[in-house]
N, C-alpha and C. Protein backbone atom coordinates (compact mmCIF):
# COMPACT_ATOMS: atom_id res chain seq x y z
N MET A 1 101.82 120.08 144.19
CA MET A 1 100.54 119.44 144.36
C MET A 1 100.15 119.48 145.82
N VAL A 2 98.93 119.90 146.08
CA VAL A 2 98.43 119.99 147.44
C VAL A 2 97.75 118.68 147.79
N ARG A 3 98.11 118.16 148.93
CA ARG A 3 97.50 116.92 149.40
C ARG A 3 96.27 117.24 150.23
N LEU A 4 95.16 116.63 149.88
CA LEU A 4 93.93 116.84 150.63
C LEU A 4 94.03 116.17 152.00
N PRO A 5 93.38 116.76 153.00
CA PRO A 5 93.38 116.12 154.33
C PRO A 5 92.69 114.76 154.25
N LEU A 6 93.13 113.86 155.10
CA LEU A 6 92.51 112.54 155.15
C LEU A 6 91.11 112.64 155.76
N THR A 7 90.24 111.79 155.27
CA THR A 7 88.89 111.74 155.83
C THR A 7 88.93 110.96 157.14
N PRO A 8 87.92 111.11 157.97
CA PRO A 8 87.87 110.30 159.19
C PRO A 8 87.93 108.80 158.88
N ALA A 9 87.31 108.36 157.79
CA ALA A 9 87.35 106.94 157.43
C ALA A 9 88.76 106.50 157.08
N GLN A 10 89.52 107.35 156.41
CA GLN A 10 90.91 107.02 156.07
C GLN A 10 91.78 106.97 157.32
N VAL A 11 91.54 107.88 158.24
CA VAL A 11 92.30 107.88 159.50
C VAL A 11 91.99 106.60 160.28
N GLU A 12 90.71 106.21 160.33
CA GLU A 12 90.32 104.98 161.03
C GLU A 12 90.93 103.75 160.36
N ALA A 13 90.97 103.73 159.04
CA ALA A 13 91.59 102.61 158.32
C ALA A 13 93.07 102.51 158.68
N GLY A 14 93.73 103.66 158.81
CA GLY A 14 95.13 103.67 159.22
C GLY A 14 95.33 103.12 160.62
N ARG A 15 94.39 103.42 161.49
CA ARG A 15 94.47 102.87 162.86
C ARG A 15 94.29 101.36 162.85
N ARG A 16 93.35 100.87 162.02
CA ARG A 16 93.16 99.41 161.92
C ARG A 16 94.41 98.75 161.37
N LEU A 17 95.02 99.36 160.34
CA LEU A 17 96.25 98.81 159.78
C LEU A 17 97.34 98.77 160.85
N GLY A 18 97.50 99.85 161.58
CA GLY A 18 98.51 99.89 162.63
C GLY A 18 98.29 98.82 163.68
N SER A 19 97.05 98.62 164.07
CA SER A 19 96.72 97.57 165.05
C SER A 19 97.05 96.19 164.53
N LEU A 20 96.70 95.94 163.27
CA LEU A 20 97.00 94.64 162.66
C LEU A 20 98.50 94.40 162.63
N LEU A 21 99.26 95.39 162.21
CA LEU A 21 100.71 95.24 162.14
C LEU A 21 101.31 95.03 163.53
N ARG A 22 100.82 95.77 164.51
CA ARG A 22 101.35 95.63 165.87
C ARG A 22 101.06 94.22 166.41
N ALA A 23 99.85 93.74 166.17
CA ALA A 23 99.49 92.40 166.63
C ALA A 23 100.34 91.34 165.92
N ALA A 24 100.57 91.52 164.63
CA ALA A 24 101.37 90.55 163.87
C ALA A 24 102.83 90.57 164.32
N ARG A 25 103.30 91.72 164.73
CA ARG A 25 104.69 91.81 165.20
C ARG A 25 104.87 91.05 166.50
N GLY A 26 103.84 91.02 167.33
CA GLY A 26 103.91 90.27 168.58
C GLY A 26 105.10 90.69 169.43
N ASP A 27 105.91 89.70 169.81
CA ASP A 27 107.07 89.96 170.67
C ASP A 27 108.32 90.33 169.89
N ARG A 28 108.22 90.34 168.55
CA ARG A 28 109.41 90.69 167.75
C ARG A 28 109.80 92.14 168.00
N ASP A 29 111.07 92.39 168.01
CA ASP A 29 111.60 93.73 168.23
C ASP A 29 111.19 94.67 167.09
N LEU A 30 110.69 95.85 167.44
CA LEU A 30 110.25 96.83 166.46
C LEU A 30 111.38 97.18 165.49
N THR A 31 112.58 97.37 166.00
CA THR A 31 113.71 97.73 165.15
C THR A 31 114.04 96.62 164.16
N GLU A 32 113.97 95.39 164.60
CA GLU A 32 114.24 94.24 163.72
C GLU A 32 113.24 94.19 162.57
N VAL A 33 111.96 94.35 162.90
CA VAL A 33 110.92 94.30 161.87
C VAL A 33 111.06 95.47 160.91
N ALA A 34 111.31 96.65 161.44
CA ALA A 34 111.47 97.83 160.59
C ALA A 34 112.63 97.65 159.63
N ARG A 35 113.75 97.20 160.13
CA ARG A 35 114.92 97.00 159.26
C ARG A 35 114.64 95.93 158.22
N SER A 36 113.95 94.88 158.61
CA SER A 36 113.60 93.81 157.67
C SER A 36 112.72 94.34 156.55
N ALA A 37 111.88 95.33 156.86
CA ALA A 37 110.99 95.93 155.86
C ALA A 37 111.66 97.08 155.11
N GLY A 38 112.85 97.48 155.55
CA GLY A 38 113.56 98.57 154.88
C GLY A 38 113.05 99.95 155.24
N ILE A 39 112.48 100.07 156.44
CA ILE A 39 112.01 101.37 156.90
C ILE A 39 112.64 101.69 158.24
N SER A 40 112.49 102.91 158.68
CA SER A 40 113.05 103.28 159.97
C SER A 40 112.14 102.80 161.10
N PRO A 41 112.73 102.54 162.26
CA PRO A 41 111.91 102.16 163.41
C PRO A 41 110.87 103.23 163.74
N GLU A 42 111.21 104.49 163.58
CA GLU A 42 110.26 105.57 163.88
C GLU A 42 109.07 105.53 162.92
N THR A 43 109.31 105.20 161.66
CA THR A 43 108.21 105.08 160.71
C THR A 43 107.27 103.95 161.12
N LEU A 44 107.82 102.81 161.49
CA LEU A 44 106.99 101.70 161.93
C LEU A 44 106.22 102.09 163.19
N ARG A 45 106.87 102.76 164.11
CA ARG A 45 106.20 103.20 165.34
C ARG A 45 105.01 104.11 165.00
N LYS A 46 105.21 105.03 164.06
CA LYS A 46 104.13 105.95 163.67
C LYS A 46 102.98 105.20 163.01
N ILE A 47 103.30 104.22 162.18
CA ILE A 47 102.24 103.43 161.52
C ILE A 47 101.46 102.65 162.57
N GLU A 48 102.17 101.97 163.46
CA GLU A 48 101.50 101.15 164.48
C GLU A 48 100.61 101.97 165.40
N THR A 49 100.98 103.20 165.67
CA THR A 49 100.20 104.03 166.60
C THR A 49 99.16 104.88 165.89
N GLY A 50 99.08 104.80 164.57
CA GLY A 50 98.10 105.57 163.83
C GLY A 50 98.50 106.99 163.52
N ARG A 51 99.72 107.38 163.88
CA ARG A 51 100.18 108.74 163.58
C ARG A 51 100.58 108.89 162.12
N LEU A 52 100.74 107.79 161.41
CA LEU A 52 101.00 107.79 159.96
C LEU A 52 99.94 106.87 159.34
N PRO A 53 98.72 107.41 159.15
CA PRO A 53 97.60 106.56 158.75
C PRO A 53 97.58 106.15 157.28
N SER A 54 98.43 106.76 156.46
CA SER A 54 98.40 106.38 155.03
C SER A 54 99.82 106.15 154.51
N PRO A 55 100.46 105.07 154.98
CA PRO A 55 101.82 104.79 154.51
C PRO A 55 101.81 104.43 153.03
N ALA A 56 102.94 104.59 152.40
CA ALA A 56 103.09 104.26 150.97
C ALA A 56 102.81 102.78 150.75
N PHE A 57 102.28 102.48 149.57
CA PHE A 57 101.95 101.10 149.21
C PHE A 57 103.16 100.18 149.37
N GLY A 58 104.32 100.63 148.90
CA GLY A 58 105.53 99.82 149.01
C GLY A 58 105.90 99.52 150.45
N THR A 59 105.64 100.46 151.33
CA THR A 59 105.91 100.26 152.75
C THR A 59 104.98 99.20 153.32
N VAL A 60 103.71 99.26 152.94
CA VAL A 60 102.74 98.27 153.42
C VAL A 60 103.12 96.87 152.91
N VAL A 61 103.51 96.79 151.65
CA VAL A 61 103.92 95.49 151.07
C VAL A 61 105.13 94.96 151.81
N ALA A 62 106.14 95.80 152.04
CA ALA A 62 107.36 95.37 152.72
C ALA A 62 107.06 94.91 154.14
N LEU A 63 106.18 95.61 154.83
CA LEU A 63 105.81 95.19 156.19
C LEU A 63 105.06 93.87 156.16
N GLY A 64 104.18 93.71 155.19
CA GLY A 64 103.47 92.44 155.04
C GLY A 64 104.44 91.29 154.85
N GLN A 65 105.44 91.50 154.02
CA GLN A 65 106.43 90.45 153.79
C GLN A 65 107.24 90.17 155.06
N ALA A 66 107.64 91.22 155.75
CA ALA A 66 108.44 91.05 156.97
C ALA A 66 107.66 90.34 158.06
N LEU A 67 106.33 90.50 158.06
CA LEU A 67 105.49 89.92 159.11
C LEU A 67 104.68 88.71 158.64
N ASP A 68 104.95 88.25 157.42
CA ASP A 68 104.21 87.11 156.85
C ASP A 68 102.71 87.34 156.85
N LEU A 69 102.31 88.56 156.49
CA LEU A 69 100.89 88.89 156.37
C LEU A 69 100.53 88.93 154.89
N PRO A 70 99.49 88.24 154.47
CA PRO A 70 99.09 88.30 153.07
C PRO A 70 98.64 89.70 152.68
N LEU A 71 98.97 90.10 151.48
CA LEU A 71 98.60 91.42 150.99
C LEU A 71 97.08 91.62 151.02
N GLN A 72 96.33 90.56 150.74
CA GLN A 72 94.87 90.68 150.77
C GLN A 72 94.37 91.04 152.16
N GLU A 73 94.97 90.46 153.19
CA GLU A 73 94.57 90.78 154.56
C GLU A 73 94.85 92.24 154.88
N LEU A 74 96.00 92.74 154.42
CA LEU A 74 96.33 94.15 154.63
C LEU A 74 95.34 95.04 153.87
N ALA A 75 95.01 94.67 152.64
CA ALA A 75 94.07 95.46 151.84
C ALA A 75 92.69 95.48 152.50
N ASP A 76 92.24 94.33 152.98
CA ASP A 76 90.93 94.27 153.63
C ASP A 76 90.88 95.16 154.86
N THR A 77 91.98 95.22 155.59
CA THR A 77 92.05 96.05 156.80
C THR A 77 91.97 97.53 156.45
N CYS A 78 92.48 97.90 155.29
CA CYS A 78 92.52 99.31 154.90
C CYS A 78 91.22 99.79 154.25
N ARG A 79 90.35 98.87 153.90
CA ARG A 79 89.06 99.27 153.30
C ARG A 79 88.20 99.96 154.33
N PRO A 80 87.36 100.88 153.87
CA PRO A 80 86.43 101.52 154.82
C PRO A 80 85.56 100.47 155.50
N ALA A 81 85.18 100.73 156.73
CA ALA A 81 84.35 99.81 157.50
C ALA A 81 83.11 99.46 156.70
N GLY A 82 82.76 98.20 156.68
CA GLY A 82 81.58 97.75 155.98
C GLY A 82 81.89 97.17 154.60
N LEU A 83 82.96 97.65 153.96
CA LEU A 83 83.30 97.15 152.64
C LEU A 83 84.10 95.85 152.70
N ALA A 84 84.89 95.68 153.74
CA ALA A 84 85.72 94.47 153.85
C ALA A 84 84.84 93.23 153.96
N GLU A 85 83.71 93.35 154.66
CA GLU A 85 82.85 92.19 154.84
C GLU A 85 82.12 91.81 153.56
N SER A 86 81.80 92.81 152.73
CA SER A 86 81.00 92.51 151.54
C SER A 86 81.83 92.11 150.35
N ALA A 87 83.15 92.25 150.43
CA ALA A 87 84.01 91.91 149.29
C ALA A 87 84.23 90.43 149.18
């Protein structure tokens, strides 16, 4: 199966998600949070910097749990700009 390239809106949503996760992590060690979520530190680094703009759903859920972020907040962040406000 061929994966279609991400749209600019999807890439931007990934950047917003990464920013939210980085802000929620605060002063906590990246390695500690990654291990708590069951992912590698490099994967978390890529998500936070926007280099991995579409992480797997399970990864997003695990990070939300590790950072005490509600799933709805994560979902709203991933919606295309303009849709989060109207939902």
